PDB file of N, CA and C in Angstrom:
ATOM      1  N   UNK A   1      -3.813  23.654  -0.815  1.00  0.00           N
ATOM      2  CA  UNK A   1      -3.111  22.674  -1.619  1.00  0.00           C
ATOM      3  C   UNK A   1      -2.436  23.383  -2.787  1.00  0.00           C
ATOM      4  N   UNK A   2      -1.143  23.100  -2.917  1.00  0.00           N
ATOM      5  CA  UNK A   2      -0.365  23.664  -4.025  1.00  0.00           C
ATOM      6  C   UNK A   2       0.202  22.526  -4.859  1.00  0.00           C
ATOM      7  N   UNK A   3       0.322  22.746  -6.126  1.00  0.00           N
ATOM      8  CA  UNK A   3       1.070  21.816  -6.970  1.00  0.00           C
ATOM      9  C   UNK A   3       2.554  22.041  -6.679  1.00  0.00           C
ATOM     10  N   UNK A   4       3.359  21.016  -6.930  1.00  0.00           N
ATOM     11  CA  UNK A   4       4.794  21.128  -6.642  1.00  0.00           C
ATOM     12  C   UNK A   4       5.411  22.349  -7.323  1.00  0.00           C
ATOM     13  N   UNK A   5       5.042  22.583  -8.563  1.00  0.00           N
ATOM     14  CA  UNK A   5       5.606  23.709  -9.312  1.00  0.00           C
ATOM     15  C   UNK A   5       5.197  25.062  -8.742  1.00  0.00           C
ATOM     16  N   UNK A   6       4.140  25.080  -7.930  1.00  0.00           N
ATOM     17  CA  UNK A   6       3.670  26.337  -7.334  1.00  0.00           C
ATOM     18  C   UNK A   6       4.361  26.657  -6.021  1.00  0.00           C
ATOM     19  N   UNK A   7       5.105  25.711  -5.466  1.00  0.00           N
ATOM     20  CA  UNK A   7       5.807  25.957  -4.208  1.00  0.00           C
ATOM     21  C   UNK A   7       6.978  26.894  -4.461  1.00  0.00           C
ATOM     22  N   UNK A   8       7.045  27.936  -3.634  1.00  0.00           N
ATOM     23  CA  UNK A   8       8.093  28.939  -3.802  1.00  0.00           C
ATOM     24  C   UNK A   8       9.136  28.887  -2.697  1.00  0.00           C
ATOM     25  N   UNK A   9       8.896  28.064  -1.670  1.00  0.00           N
ATOM     26  CA  UNK A   9       9.857  27.931  -0.577  1.00  0.00           C
ATOM     27  C   UNK A   9       9.921  26.470  -0.135  1.00  0.00           C
ATOM     28  N   UNK A  10      10.985  26.129   0.558  1.00  0.00           N
ATOM     29  CA  UNK A  10      11.114  24.777   1.101  1.00  0.00           C
ATOM     30  C   UNK A  10      10.034  24.515   2.143  1.00  0.00           C
ATOM     31  N   UNK A  11       9.646  25.547   2.902  1.00  0.00           N
ATOM     32  CA  UNK A  11       8.557  25.378   3.872  1.00  0.00           C
ATOM     33  C   UNK A  11       7.262  24.962   3.180  1.00  0.00           C
ATOM     34  N   UNK A  12       6.978  25.555   2.045  1.00  0.00           N
ATOM     35  CA  UNK A  12       5.775  25.186   1.291  1.00  0.00           C
ATOM     36  C   UNK A  12       5.871  23.739   0.783  1.00  0.00           C
ATOM     37  N   UNK A  13       7.032  23.354   0.301  1.00  0.00           N
ATOM     38  CA  UNK A  13       7.238  21.971  -0.142  1.00  0.00           C
ATOM     39  C   UNK A  13       6.986  21.021   1.021  1.00  0.00           C
ATOM     40  N   UNK A  14       7.533  21.341   2.187  1.00  0.00           N
ATOM     41  CA  UNK A  14       7.369  20.476   3.358  1.00  0.00           C
ATOM     42  C   UNK A  14       5.914  20.407   3.813  1.00  0.00           C
ATOM     43  N   UNK A  15       5.217  21.525   3.757  1.00  0.00           N
ATOM     44  CA  UNK A  15       3.791  21.527   4.114  1.00  0.00           C
ATOM     45  C   UNK A  15       3.001  20.588   3.205  1.00  0.00           C
ATOM     46  N   UNK A  16       3.300  20.627   1.929  1.00  0.00           N
ATOM     47  CA  UNK A  16       2.576  19.779   0.972  1.00  0.00           C
ATOM     48  C   UNK A  16       2.955  18.305   1.148  1.00  0.00           C
ATOM     49  N   UNK A  17       4.208  18.038   1.422  1.00  0.00           N
ATOM     50  CA  UNK A  17       4.613  16.656   1.695  1.00  0.00           C
ATOM     51  C   UNK A  17       3.885  16.143   2.937  1.00  0.00           C
ATOM     52  N   UNK A  18       3.801  16.960   3.971  1.00  0.00           N
ATOM     53  CA  UNK A  18       3.078  16.559   5.185  1.00  0.00           C
ATOM     54  C   UNK A  18       1.603  16.297   4.892  1.00  0.00           C
ATOM     55  N   UNK A  19       0.993  17.129   4.048  1.00  0.00           N
ATOM     56  CA  UNK A  19      -0.408  16.942   3.664  1.00  0.00           C
ATOM     57  C   UNK A  19      -0.586  15.613   2.940  1.00  0.00           C
ATOM     58  N   UNK A  20       0.291  15.344   2.001  1.00  0.00           N
ATOM     59  CA  UNK A  20       0.212  14.097   1.237  1.00  0.00           C
ATOM     60  C   UNK A  20       0.445  12.898   2.164  1.00  0.00           C
ATOM     61  N   UNK A  21       1.401  13.018   3.075  1.00  0.00           N
ATOM     62  CA  UNK A  21       1.664  11.924   4.022  1.00  0.00           C
ATOM     63  C   UNK A  21       0.434  11.606   4.861  1.00  0.00           C
ATOM     64  N   UNK A  22      -0.271  12.632   5.310  1.00  0.00           N
ATOM     65  CA  UNK A  22      -1.503  12.398   6.085  1.00  0.00           C
ATOM     66  C   UNK A  22      -2.529  11.638   5.251  1.00  0.00           C
ATOM     67  N   UNK A  23      -2.679  12.041   4.004  1.00  0.00           N
ATOM     68  CA  UNK A  23      -3.636  11.372   3.123  1.00  0.00           C
ATOM     69  C   UNK A  23      -3.213   9.925   2.853  1.00  0.00           C
ATOM     70  N   UNK A  24      -1.923   9.696   2.661  1.00  0.00           N
ATOM     71  CA  UNK A  24      -1.431   8.331   2.429  1.00  0.00           C
ATOM     72  C   UNK A  24      -1.697   7.436   3.632  1.00  0.00           C
ATOM     73  N   UNK A  25      -1.432   7.951   4.821  1.00  0.00           N
ATOM     74  CA  UNK A  25      -1.687   7.162   6.034  1.00  0.00           C
ATOM     75  C   UNK A  25      -3.172   6.832   6.139  1.00  0.00           C
ATOM     76  N   UNK A  26      -4.026   7.788   5.854  1.00  0.00           N
ATOM     77  CA  UNK A  26      -5.472   7.536   5.909  1.00  0.00           C
ATOM     78  C   UNK A  26      -5.875   6.445   4.909  1.00  0.00           C
ATOM     79  N   UNK A  27      -5.354   6.502   3.697  1.00  0.00           N
ATOM     80  CA  UNK A  27      -5.686   5.497   2.693  1.00  0.00           C
ATOM     81  C   UNK A  27      -5.107   4.128   3.044  1.00  0.00           C
ATOM     82  N   UNK A  28      -3.878   4.109   3.557  1.00  0.00           N
ATOM     83  CA  UNK A  28      -3.286   2.834   3.962  1.00  0.00           C
ATOM     84  C   UNK A  28      -4.032   2.233   5.150  1.00  0.00           C
ATOM     85  N   UNK A  29      -4.503   3.077   6.049  1.00  0.00           N
ATOM     86  CA  UNK A  29      -5.303   2.587   7.177  1.00  0.00           C
ATOM     87  C   UNK A  29      -6.608   1.979   6.674  1.00  0.00           C
ATOM     88  N   UNK A  30      -7.216   2.610   5.691  1.00  0.00           N
ATOM     89  CA  UNK A  30      -8.435   2.049   5.105  1.00  0.00           C
ATOM     90  C   UNK A  30      -8.129   0.715   4.429  1.00  0.00           C
ATOM     91  N   UNK A  31      -7.030   0.653   3.687  1.00  0.00           N
ATOM     92  CA  UNK A  31      -6.637  -0.592   3.032  1.00  0.00           C
ATOM     93  C   UNK A  31      -6.464  -1.694   4.077  1.00  0.00           C
ATOM     94  N   UNK A  32      -5.855  -1.328   5.200  1.00  0.00           N
ATOM     95  CA  UNK A  32      -5.593  -2.308   6.256  1.00  0.00           C
ATOM     96  C   UNK A  32      -6.886  -2.909   6.801  1.00  0.00           C
ATOM     97  N   UNK A  33      -7.969  -2.150   6.822  1.00  0.00           N
ATOM     98  CA  UNK A  33      -9.231  -2.713   7.314  1.00  0.00           C
ATOM     99  C   UNK A  33      -9.676  -3.888   6.445  1.00  0.00           C
ATOM    100  N   UNK A  34      -9.353  -3.841   5.155  1.00  0.00           N
ATOM    101  CA  UNK A  34      -9.704  -4.935   4.254  1.00  0.00           C
ATOM    102  C   UNK A  34      -8.771  -6.126   4.444  1.00  0.00           C
ATOM    103  N   UNK A  35      -7.501  -5.849   4.701  1.00  0.00           N
ATOM    104  CA  UNK A  35      -6.567  -6.937   5.017  1.00  0.00           C
ATOM    105  C   UNK A  35      -7.033  -7.640   6.288  1.00  0.00           C
ATOM    106  N   UNK A  36      -7.439  -6.846   7.260  1.00  0.00           N
ATOM    107  CA  UNK A  36      -7.913  -7.415   8.520  1.00  0.00           C
ATOM    108  C   UNK A  36      -9.172  -8.262   8.311  1.00  0.00           C
ATOM    109  N   UNK A  37      -9.969  -7.917   7.346  1.00  0.00           N
ATOM    110  CA  UNK A  37     -11.175  -8.694   7.062  1.00  0.00           C
ATOM    111  C   UNK A  37     -10.861  -9.931   6.219  1.00  0.00           C
ATOM    112  N   UNK A  38      -9.875  -9.849   5.348  1.00  0.00           N
ATOM    113  CA  UNK A  38      -9.573 -10.941   4.413  1.00  0.00           C
ATOM    114  C   UNK A  38      -9.249 -12.249   5.120  1.00  0.00           C
ATOM    115  N   UNK A  39      -8.494 -12.182   6.203  1.00  0.00           N
ATOM    116  CA  UNK A  39      -8.097 -13.430   6.869  1.00  0.00           C
ATOM    117  C   UNK A  39      -9.307 -14.203   7.383  1.00  0.00           C
ATOM    118  N   UNK A  40     -10.382 -13.494   7.659  1.00  0.00           N
ATOM    119  CA  UNK A  40     -11.599 -14.117   8.178  1.00  0.00           C
ATOM    120  C   UNK A  40     -12.155 -15.163   7.200  1.00  0.00           C
ATOM    121  N   UNK A  41     -11.939 -14.942   5.906  1.00  0.00           N
ATOM    122  CA  UNK A  41     -12.482 -15.824   4.879  1.00  0.00           C
ATOM    123  C   UNK A  41     -11.546 -16.985   4.520  1.00  0.00           C
ATOM    124  N   UNK A  42     -10.379 -17.017   5.129  1.00  0.00           N
ATOM    125  CA  UNK A  42      -9.401 -18.063   4.846  1.00  0.00           C
ATOM    126  C   UNK A  42      -9.415 -19.090   5.963  1.00  0.00           C
ATOM    127  N   UNK A  43      -8.977 -20.314   5.645  1.00  0.00           N
ATOM    128  CA  UNK A  43      -9.077 -21.399   6.613  1.00  0.00           C
ATOM    129  C   UNK A  43      -7.767 -21.749   7.302  1.00  0.00           C
ATOM    130  N   UNK A  44      -6.632 -21.478   6.647  1.00  0.00           N
ATOM    131  CA  UNK A  44      -5.357 -21.876   7.243  1.00  0.00           C
ATOM    132  C   UNK A  44      -4.271 -20.872   6.862  1.00  0.00           C
ATOM    133  N   UNK A  45      -3.162 -20.883   7.609  1.00  0.00           N
ATOM    134  CA  UNK A  45      -2.055 -19.976   7.283  1.00  0.00           C
ATOM    135  C   UNK A  45      -1.521 -20.151   5.862  1.00  0.00           C
ATOM    136  N   UNK A  46      -1.676 -21.355   5.309  1.00  0.00           N
ATOM    137  CA  UNK A  46      -1.220 -21.600   3.932  1.00  0.00           C
ATOM    138  C   UNK A  46      -1.985 -20.760   2.913  1.00  0.00           C
ATOM    139  N   UNK A  47      -3.164 -20.296   3.277  1.00  0.00           N
ATOM    140  CA  UNK A  47      -3.982 -19.497   2.362  1.00  0.00           C
ATOM    141  C   UNK A  47      -3.697 -17.993   2.467  1.00  0.00           C
ATOM    142  N   UNK A  48      -2.805 -17.609   3.371  1.00  0.00           N
ATOM    143  CA  UNK A  48      -2.531 -16.178   3.562  1.00  0.00           C
ATOM    144  C   UNK A  48      -1.914 -15.548   2.311  1.00  0.00           C
ATOM    145  N   UNK A  49      -1.028 -16.271   1.675  1.00  0.00           N
ATOM    146  CA  UNK A  49      -0.403 -15.754   0.459  1.00  0.00           C
ATOM    147  C   UNK A  49      -1.057 -16.397  -0.758  1.00  0.00           C
ATOM    148  N   UNK A  50      -1.509 -15.542  -1.664  1.00  0.00           N
ATOM    149  CA  UNK A  50      -2.122 -16.009  -2.907  1.00  0.00           C
ATOM    150  C   UNK A  50      -1.268 -15.433  -4.041  1.00  0.00           C
ATOM    151  N   UNK A  51      -0.299 -16.215  -4.528  1.00  0.00           N
ATOM    152  CA  UNK A  51       0.682 -15.681  -5.485  1.00  0.00           C
ATOM    153  C   UNK A  51       0.084 -14.985  -6.704  1.00  0.00           C
ATOM    154  N   UNK A  52      -0.958 -15.557  -7.314  1.00  0.00           N
ATOM    155  CA  UNK A  52      -1.522 -14.904  -8.497  1.00  0.00           C
ATOM    156  C   UNK A  52      -2.104 -13.548  -8.139  1.00  0.00           C
ATOM    157  N   UNK A  53      -2.719 -13.436  -6.958  1.00  0.00           N
ATOM    158  CA  UNK A  53      -3.297 -12.166  -6.535  1.00  0.00           C
ATOM    159  C   UNK A  53      -2.196 -11.147  -6.209  1.00  0.00           C
ATOM    160  N   UNK A  54      -1.136 -11.611  -5.553  1.00  0.00           N
ATOM    161  CA  UNK A  54      -0.016 -10.719  -5.243  1.00  0.00           C
ATOM    162  C   UNK A  54       0.564 -10.135  -6.529  1.00  0.00           C
ATOM    163  N   UNK A  55       0.770 -10.979  -7.539  1.00  0.00           N
ATOM    164  CA  UNK A  55       1.291 -10.504  -8.834  1.00  0.00           C
ATOM    165  C   UNK A  55       0.337  -9.514  -9.488  1.00  0.00           C
ATOM    166  N   UNK A  56      -0.951  -9.818  -9.421  1.00  0.00           N
ATOM    167  CA  UNK A  56      -1.962  -8.950 -10.017  1.00  0.00           C
ATOM    168  C   UNK A  56      -1.949  -7.568  -9.360  1.00  0.00           C
ATOM    169  N   UNK A  57      -1.892  -7.534  -8.046  1.00  0.00           N
ATOM    170  CA  UNK A  57      -1.866  -6.251  -7.315  1.00  0.00           C
ATOM    171  C   UNK A  57      -0.620  -5.464  -7.694  1.00  0.00           C
ATOM    172  N   UNK A  58       0.537  -6.114  -7.690  1.00  0.00           N
ATOM    173  CA  UNK A  58       1.789  -5.424  -8.026  1.00  0.00           C
ATOM    174  C   UNK A  58       1.751  -4.908  -9.463  1.00  0.00           C
ATOM    175  N   UNK A  59       1.255  -5.717 -10.388  1.00  0.00           N
ATOM    176  CA  UNK A  59       1.172  -5.272 -11.784  1.00  0.00           C
ATOM    177  C   UNK A  59       0.273  -4.041 -11.928  1.00  0.00           C
ATOM    178  N   UNK A  60      -0.870  -4.056 -11.245  1.00  0.00           N
ATOM    179  CA  UNK A  60      -1.777  -2.903 -11.312  1.00  0.00           C
ATOM    180  C   UNK A  60      -1.150  -1.654 -10.707  1.00  0.00           C
ATOM    181  N   UNK A  61      -0.466  -1.826  -9.587  1.00  0.00           N
ATOM    182  CA  UNK A  61       0.171  -0.681  -8.918  1.00  0.00           C
ATOM    183  C   UNK A  61       1.288  -0.111  -9.792  1.00  0.00           C
ATOM    184  N   UNK A  62       2.088  -0.974 -10.384  1.00  0.00           N
ATOM    185  CA  UNK A  62       3.163  -0.494 -11.256  1.00  0.00           C
ATOM    186  C   UNK A  62       2.601   0.272 -12.444  1.00  0.00           C
ATOM    187  N   UNK A  63       1.542  -0.244 -13.021  1.00  0.00           N
ATOM    188  CA  UNK A  63       0.912   0.422 -14.161  1.00  0.00           C
ATOM    189  C   UNK A  63       0.374   1.788 -13.752  1.00  0.00           C
ATOM    190  N   UNK A  64      -0.310   1.838 -12.634  1.00  0.00           N
ATOM    191  CA  UNK A  64      -0.862   3.109 -12.147  1.00  0.00           C
ATOM    192  C   UNK A  64       0.244   4.094 -11.812  1.00  0.00           C
ATOM    193  N   UNK A  65       1.313   3.604 -11.201  1.00  0.00           N
ATOM    194  CA  UNK A  65       2.444   4.473 -10.859  1.00  0.00           C
ATOM    195  C   UNK A  65       3.028   5.109 -12.113  1.00  0.00           C
ATOM    196  N   UNK A  66       3.204   4.300 -13.137  1.00  0.00           N
ATOM    197  CA  UNK A  66       3.762   4.827 -14.384  1.00  0.00           C
ATOM    198  C   UNK A  66       2.849   5.892 -14.981  1.00  0.00           C
ATOM    199  N   UNK A  67       1.538   5.626 -14.982  1.00  0.00           N
ATOM    200  CA  UNK A  67       0.573   6.612 -15.484  1.00  0.00           C
ATOM    201  C   UNK A  67       0.637   7.914 -14.692  1.00  0.00           C
ATOM    202  N   UNK A  68       0.902   7.795 -13.389  1.00  0.00           N
ATOM    203  CA  UNK A  68       0.902   8.964 -12.511  1.00  0.00           C
ATOM    204  C   UNK A  68       2.258   9.674 -12.458  1.00  0.00           C
ATOM    205  N   UNK A  69       3.258   9.131 -13.156  1.00  0.00           N
ATOM    206  CA  UNK A  69       4.567   9.772 -13.170  1.00  0.00           C
ATOM    207  C   UNK A  69       5.471   9.372 -12.031  1.00  0.00           C
ATOM    208  N   UNK A  70       5.173   8.247 -11.405  1.00  0.00           N
ATOM    209  CA  UNK A  70       5.986   7.740 -10.295  1.00  0.00           C
ATOM    210  C   UNK A  70       6.826   6.571 -10.812  1.00  0.00           C
ATOM    211  N   UNK A  71       8.055   6.425 -10.353  1.00  0.00           N
ATOM    212  CA  UNK A  71       8.845   5.280 -10.803  1.00  0.00           C
ATOM    213  C   UNK A  71       8.148   3.962 -10.436  1.00  0.00           C
ATOM    214  N   UNK A  72       7.829   3.127 -11.413  1.00  0.00           N
ATOM    215  CA  UNK A  72       7.127   1.875 -11.115  1.00  0.00           C
ATOM    216  C   UNK A  72       7.913   0.960 -10.185  1.00  0.00           C
ATOM    217  N   UNK A  73       9.240   1.025 -10.252  1.00  0.00           N
ATOM    218  CA  UNK A  73      10.071   0.195  -9.374  1.00  0.00           C
ATOM    219  C   UNK A  73       9.879   0.592  -7.905  1.00  0.00           C
ATOM    220  N   UNK A  74       9.699   1.873  -7.659  1.00  0.00           N
ATOM    221  CA  UNK A  74       9.465   2.335  -6.297  1.00  0.00           C
ATOM    222  C   UNK A  74       8.111   1.847  -5.808  1.00  0.00           C
ATOM    223  N   UNK A  75       7.093   1.957  -6.654  1.00  0.00           N
ATOM    224  CA  UNK A  75       5.762   1.483  -6.281  1.00  0.00           C
ATOM    225  C   UNK A  75       5.794  -0.016  -6.015  1.00  0.00           C
ATOM    226  N   UNK A  76       6.480  -0.757  -6.870  1.00  0.00           N
ATOM    227  CA  UNK A  76       6.569  -2.210  -6.672  1.00  0.00           C
ATOM    228  C   UNK A  76       7.213  -2.541  -5.337  1.00  0.00           C
ATOM    229  N   UNK A  77       8.312  -1.882  -5.019  1.00  0.00           N
ATOM    230  CA  UNK A  77       9.001  -2.150  -3.749  1.00  0.00           C
ATOM    231  C   UNK A  77       8.099  -1.841  -2.557  1.00  0.00           C
ATOM    232  N   UNK A  78       7.405  -0.722  -2.611  1.00  0.00           N
ATOM    233  CA  UNK A  78       6.495  -0.361  -1.521  1.00  0.00           C
ATOM    234  C   UNK A  78       5.376  -1.382  -1.368  1.00  0.00           C
ATOM    235  N   UNK A  79       4.762  -1.753  -2.482  1.00  0.00           N
ATOM    236  CA  UNK A  79       3.625  -2.681  -2.403  1.00  0.00           C
ATOM    237  C   UNK A  79       4.046  -4.083  -2.021  1.00  0.00           C
ATOM    238  N   UNK A  80       5.220  -4.507  -2.437  1.00  0.00           N
ATOM    239  CA  UNK A  80       5.690  -5.827  -2.004  1.00  0.00           C
ATOM    240  C   UNK A  80       5.859  -5.849  -0.487  1.00  0.00           C
ATOM    241  N   UNK A  81       6.315  -4.747   0.073  1.00  0.00           N
ATOM    242  CA  UNK A  81       6.436  -4.645   1.531  1.00  0.00           C
ATOM    243  C   UNK A  81       5.051  -4.659   2.179  1.00  0.00           C
ATOM    244  N   UNK A  82       4.138  -3.881   1.657  1.00  0.00           N
ATOM    245  CA  UNK A  82       2.775  -3.825   2.190  1.00  0.00           C
ATOM    246  C   UNK A  82       2.118  -5.200   2.119  1.00  0.00           C
ATOM    247  N   UNK A  83       2.252  -5.858   0.974  1.00  0.00           N
ATOM    248  CA  UNK A  83       1.674  -7.188   0.805  1.00  0.00           C
ATOM    249  C   UNK A  83       2.320  -8.168   1.787  1.00  0.00           C
ATOM    250  N   UNK A  84       3.618  -8.087   1.932  1.00  0.00           N
ATOM    251  CA  UNK A  84       4.327  -8.976   2.863  1.00  0.00           C
ATOM    252  C   UNK A  84       3.830  -8.824   4.288  1.00  0.00           C
ATOM    253  N   UNK A  85       3.621  -7.588   4.718  1.00  0.00           N
ATOM    254  CA  UNK A  85       3.092  -7.364   6.073  1.00  0.00           C
ATOM    255  C   UNK A  85       1.698  -7.949   6.208  1.00  0.00           C
ATOM    256  N   UNK A  86       0.889  -7.790   5.164  1.00  0.00           N
ATOM    257  CA  UNK A  86      -0.460  -8.344   5.194  1.00  0.00           C
ATOM    258  C   UNK A  86      -0.447  -9.863   5.292  1.00  0.00           C
ATOM    259  N   UNK A  87       0.422 -10.489   4.519  1.00  0.00           N
ATOM    260  CA  UNK A  87       0.531 -11.951   4.561  1.00  0.00           C
ATOM    261  C   UNK A  87       0.960 -12.408   5.951  1.00  0.00           C
ATOM    262  N   UNK A  88       1.952 -11.758   6.501  1.00  0.00           N
ATOM    263  CA  UNK A  88       2.421 -12.125   7.844  1.00  0.00           C
ATOM    264  C   UNK A  88       1.303 -11.966   8.876  1.00  0.00           C
ATOM    265  N   UNK A  89       0.576 -10.875   8.790  1.00  0.00           N
ATOM    266  CA  UNK A  89      -0.534 -10.631   9.711  1.00  0.00           C
ATOM    267  C   UNK A  89      -1.593 -11.719   9.589  1.00  0.00           C
ATOM    268  N   UNK A  90      -1.974 -12.044   8.337  1.00  0.00           N
ATOM    269  CA  UNK A  90      -2.989 -13.076   8.135  1.00  0.00           C
ATOM    270  C   UNK A  90      -2.514 -14.427   8.645  1.00  0.00           C
ATOM    271  N   UNK A  91      -1.253 -14.766   8.384  1.00  0.00           N
ATOM    272  CA  UNK A  91      -0.721 -16.040   8.879  1.00  0.00           C
ATOM    273  C   UNK A  91      -0.828 -16.121  10.402  1.00  0.00           C
ATOM    274  N   UNK A  92      -0.453 -15.038  11.070  1.00  0.00           N
ATOM    275  CA  UNK A  92      -0.522 -15.022  12.540  1.00  0.00           C
ATOM    276  C   UNK A  92      -1.961 -15.173  13.025  1.00  0.00           C
ATOM    277  N   UNK A  93      -2.865 -14.435  12.423  1.00  0.00           N
ATOM    278  CA  UNK A  93      -4.267 -14.521  12.827  1.00  0.00           C
ATOM    279  C   UNK A  93      -4.838 -15.917  12.582  1.00  0.00           C
ATOM    280  N   UNK A  94      -4.485 -16.500  11.451  1.00  0.00           N
ATOM    281  CA  UNK A  94      -5.003 -17.817  11.103  1.00  0.00           C
ATOM    282  C   UNK A  94      -4.437 -18.907  12.012  1.00  0.00           C
ATOM    283  N   UNK A  95      -3.226 -18.732  12.507  1.00  0.00           N
ATOM    284  CA  UNK A  95      -2.670 -19.688  13.458  1.00  0.00           C
ATOM    285  C   UNK A  95      -3.431 -19.633  14.783  1.00  0.00           C
ATOM    286  N   UNK A  96      -3.937 -18.452  15.127  1.00  0.00           N
ATOM    287  CA  UNK A  96      -4.702 -18.280  16.371  1.00  0.00           C
ATOM    288  C   UNK A  96      -6.110 -18.828  16.262  1.00  0.00           C
ATOM    289  N   UNK A  97      -6.610 -18.960  15.057  1.00  0.00           N
ATOM    290  CA  UNK A  97      -7.994 -19.353  14.784  1.00  0.00           C
ATOM    291  C   UNK A  97      -8.313 -20.733  15.318  1.00  0.00           C
TER     292      UNK A  97
END
Protein backbone atom coordinates (compact mmCIF):
# COMPACT_ATOMS: atom_id res chain seq x y z
CA UNK A 1 0.00 0.00 0.00
CA UNK A 2 1.31 3.39 -1.05
CA UNK A 3 -0.02 6.84 -0.35
CA UNK A 4 -0.89 8.78 -3.50
CA UNK A 5 2.11 11.08 -3.03
CA UNK A 6 4.40 8.03 -2.88
CA UNK A 7 3.38 6.76 -6.32
CA UNK A 8 6.15 7.34 -8.82
CA UNK A 9 4.51 5.86 -11.93
CA UNK A 10 1.06 5.62 -13.47
CA UNK A 11 1.24 1.84 -12.99
CA UNK A 12 1.62 2.38 -9.25
CA UNK A 13 -1.33 4.79 -9.22
CA UNK A 14 -3.44 2.22 -11.07
CA UNK A 15 -2.42 -0.57 -8.70
CA UNK A 16 -3.52 1.51 -5.72
CA UNK A 17 -6.80 2.49 -7.38
CA UNK A 18 -7.47 -1.20 -8.04
CA UNK A 19 -6.69 -2.00 -4.39
CA UNK A 20 -9.07 0.69 -3.17
CA UNK A 21 -11.76 -0.46 -5.62
CA UNK A 22 -11.56 -4.00 -4.23
CA UNK A 23 -11.95 -2.68 -0.70
CA UNK A 24 -14.89 -0.47 -1.72
CA UNK A 25 -16.69 -3.39 -3.35
CA UNK A 26 -16.16 -5.49 -0.23
CA UNK A 27 -17.57 -2.74 2.01
CA UNK A 28 -20.51 -2.05 -0.31
CA UNK A 29 -21.26 -5.78 -0.41
CA UNK A 30 -21.30 -5.81 3.38
CA UNK A 31 -23.58 -2.76 3.41
CA UNK A 32 -25.89 -4.56 0.99
CA UNK A 33 -26.35 -7.44 3.45
CA UNK A 34 -27.96 -4.94 5.83
CA UNK A 35 -30.18 -3.51 3.10
CA UNK A 36 -31.24 -7.06 2.32
CA UNK A 37 -32.11 -7.57 5.98
CA UNK A 38 -33.90 -4.21 6.43
CA UNK A 39 -36.84 -5.04 4.19
CA UNK A 40 -37.63 -8.01 6.43
CA UNK A 41 -38.67 -5.62 9.21
CA UNK A 42 -40.98 -3.54 7.00
CA UNK A 43 -44.59 -4.36 6.20
CA UNK A 44 -45.31 -2.69 2.85
CA UNK A 45 -43.57 -1.09 -0.13
CA UNK A 46 -44.58 2.32 1.26
CA UNK A 47 -42.13 1.75 4.12
CA UNK A 48 -39.14 1.17 1.82
CA UNK A 49 -38.24 4.84 1.74
CA UNK A 50 -37.81 6.63 5.05
CA UNK A 51 -37.12 10.28 4.14
CA UNK A 52 -35.73 11.36 7.51
CA UNK A 53 -33.33 8.41 7.52
CA UNK A 54 -32.26 9.04 3.91
CA UNK A 55 -31.44 12.67 4.81
CA UNK A 56 -29.58 11.58 7.93
CA UNK A 57 -27.43 9.09 5.99
CA UNK A 58 -26.62 11.64 3.27
CA UNK A 59 -25.76 14.32 5.84
CA UNK A 60 -23.41 11.95 7.69
CA UNK A 61 -21.74 10.82 4.47
CA UNK A 62 -21.23 14.40 3.28
CA UNK A 63 -19.72 15.36 6.62
CA UNK A 64 -17.38 12.36 6.60
CA UNK A 65 -16.40 13.03 2.99
CA UNK A 66 -15.46 16.59 3.82
CA UNK A 67 -13.39 15.44 6.81
CA UNK A 68 -11.63 12.91 4.58
CA UNK A 69 -10.85 15.42 1.82
CA UNK A 70 -13.42 14.16 -0.67
CA UNK A 71 -15.85 16.52 -2.40
CA UNK A 72 -19.07 16.24 -0.37
CA UNK A 73 -21.15 16.72 -3.53
CA UNK A 74 -19.58 13.60 -5.02
CA UNK A 75 -20.29 11.59 -1.88
CA UNK A 76 -23.88 12.84 -1.83
CA UNK A 77 -24.44 11.85 -5.46
CA UNK A 78 -23.00 8.38 -4.88
CA UNK A 79 -25.01 7.76 -1.72
CA UNK A 80 -28.25 9.02 -3.22
CA UNK A 81 -27.76 6.43 -5.95
CA UNK A 82 -26.94 3.70 -3.42
CA UNK A 83 -29.96 4.63 -1.30
CA UNK A 84 -32.18 4.71 -4.38
CA UNK A 85 -31.14 1.19 -5.37
CA UNK A 86 -31.82 0.01 -1.83
CA UNK A 87 -35.28 1.55 -1.81
CA UNK A 88 -36.12 -0.01 -5.16
CA UNK A 89 -34.88 -3.40 -3.97
CA UNK A 90 -36.91 -3.21 -0.76
CA UNK A 91 -40.04 -2.13 -2.64
CA UNK A 92 -39.71 -5.12 -4.97
CA UNK A 93 -39.14 -7.56 -2.12
CA UNK A 94 -42.04 -6.15 -0.12
CA UNK A 95 -44.39 -6.49 -3.09
CA UNK A 96 -43.46 -10.19 -3.23
CA UNK A 97 -44.11 -10.64 0.50
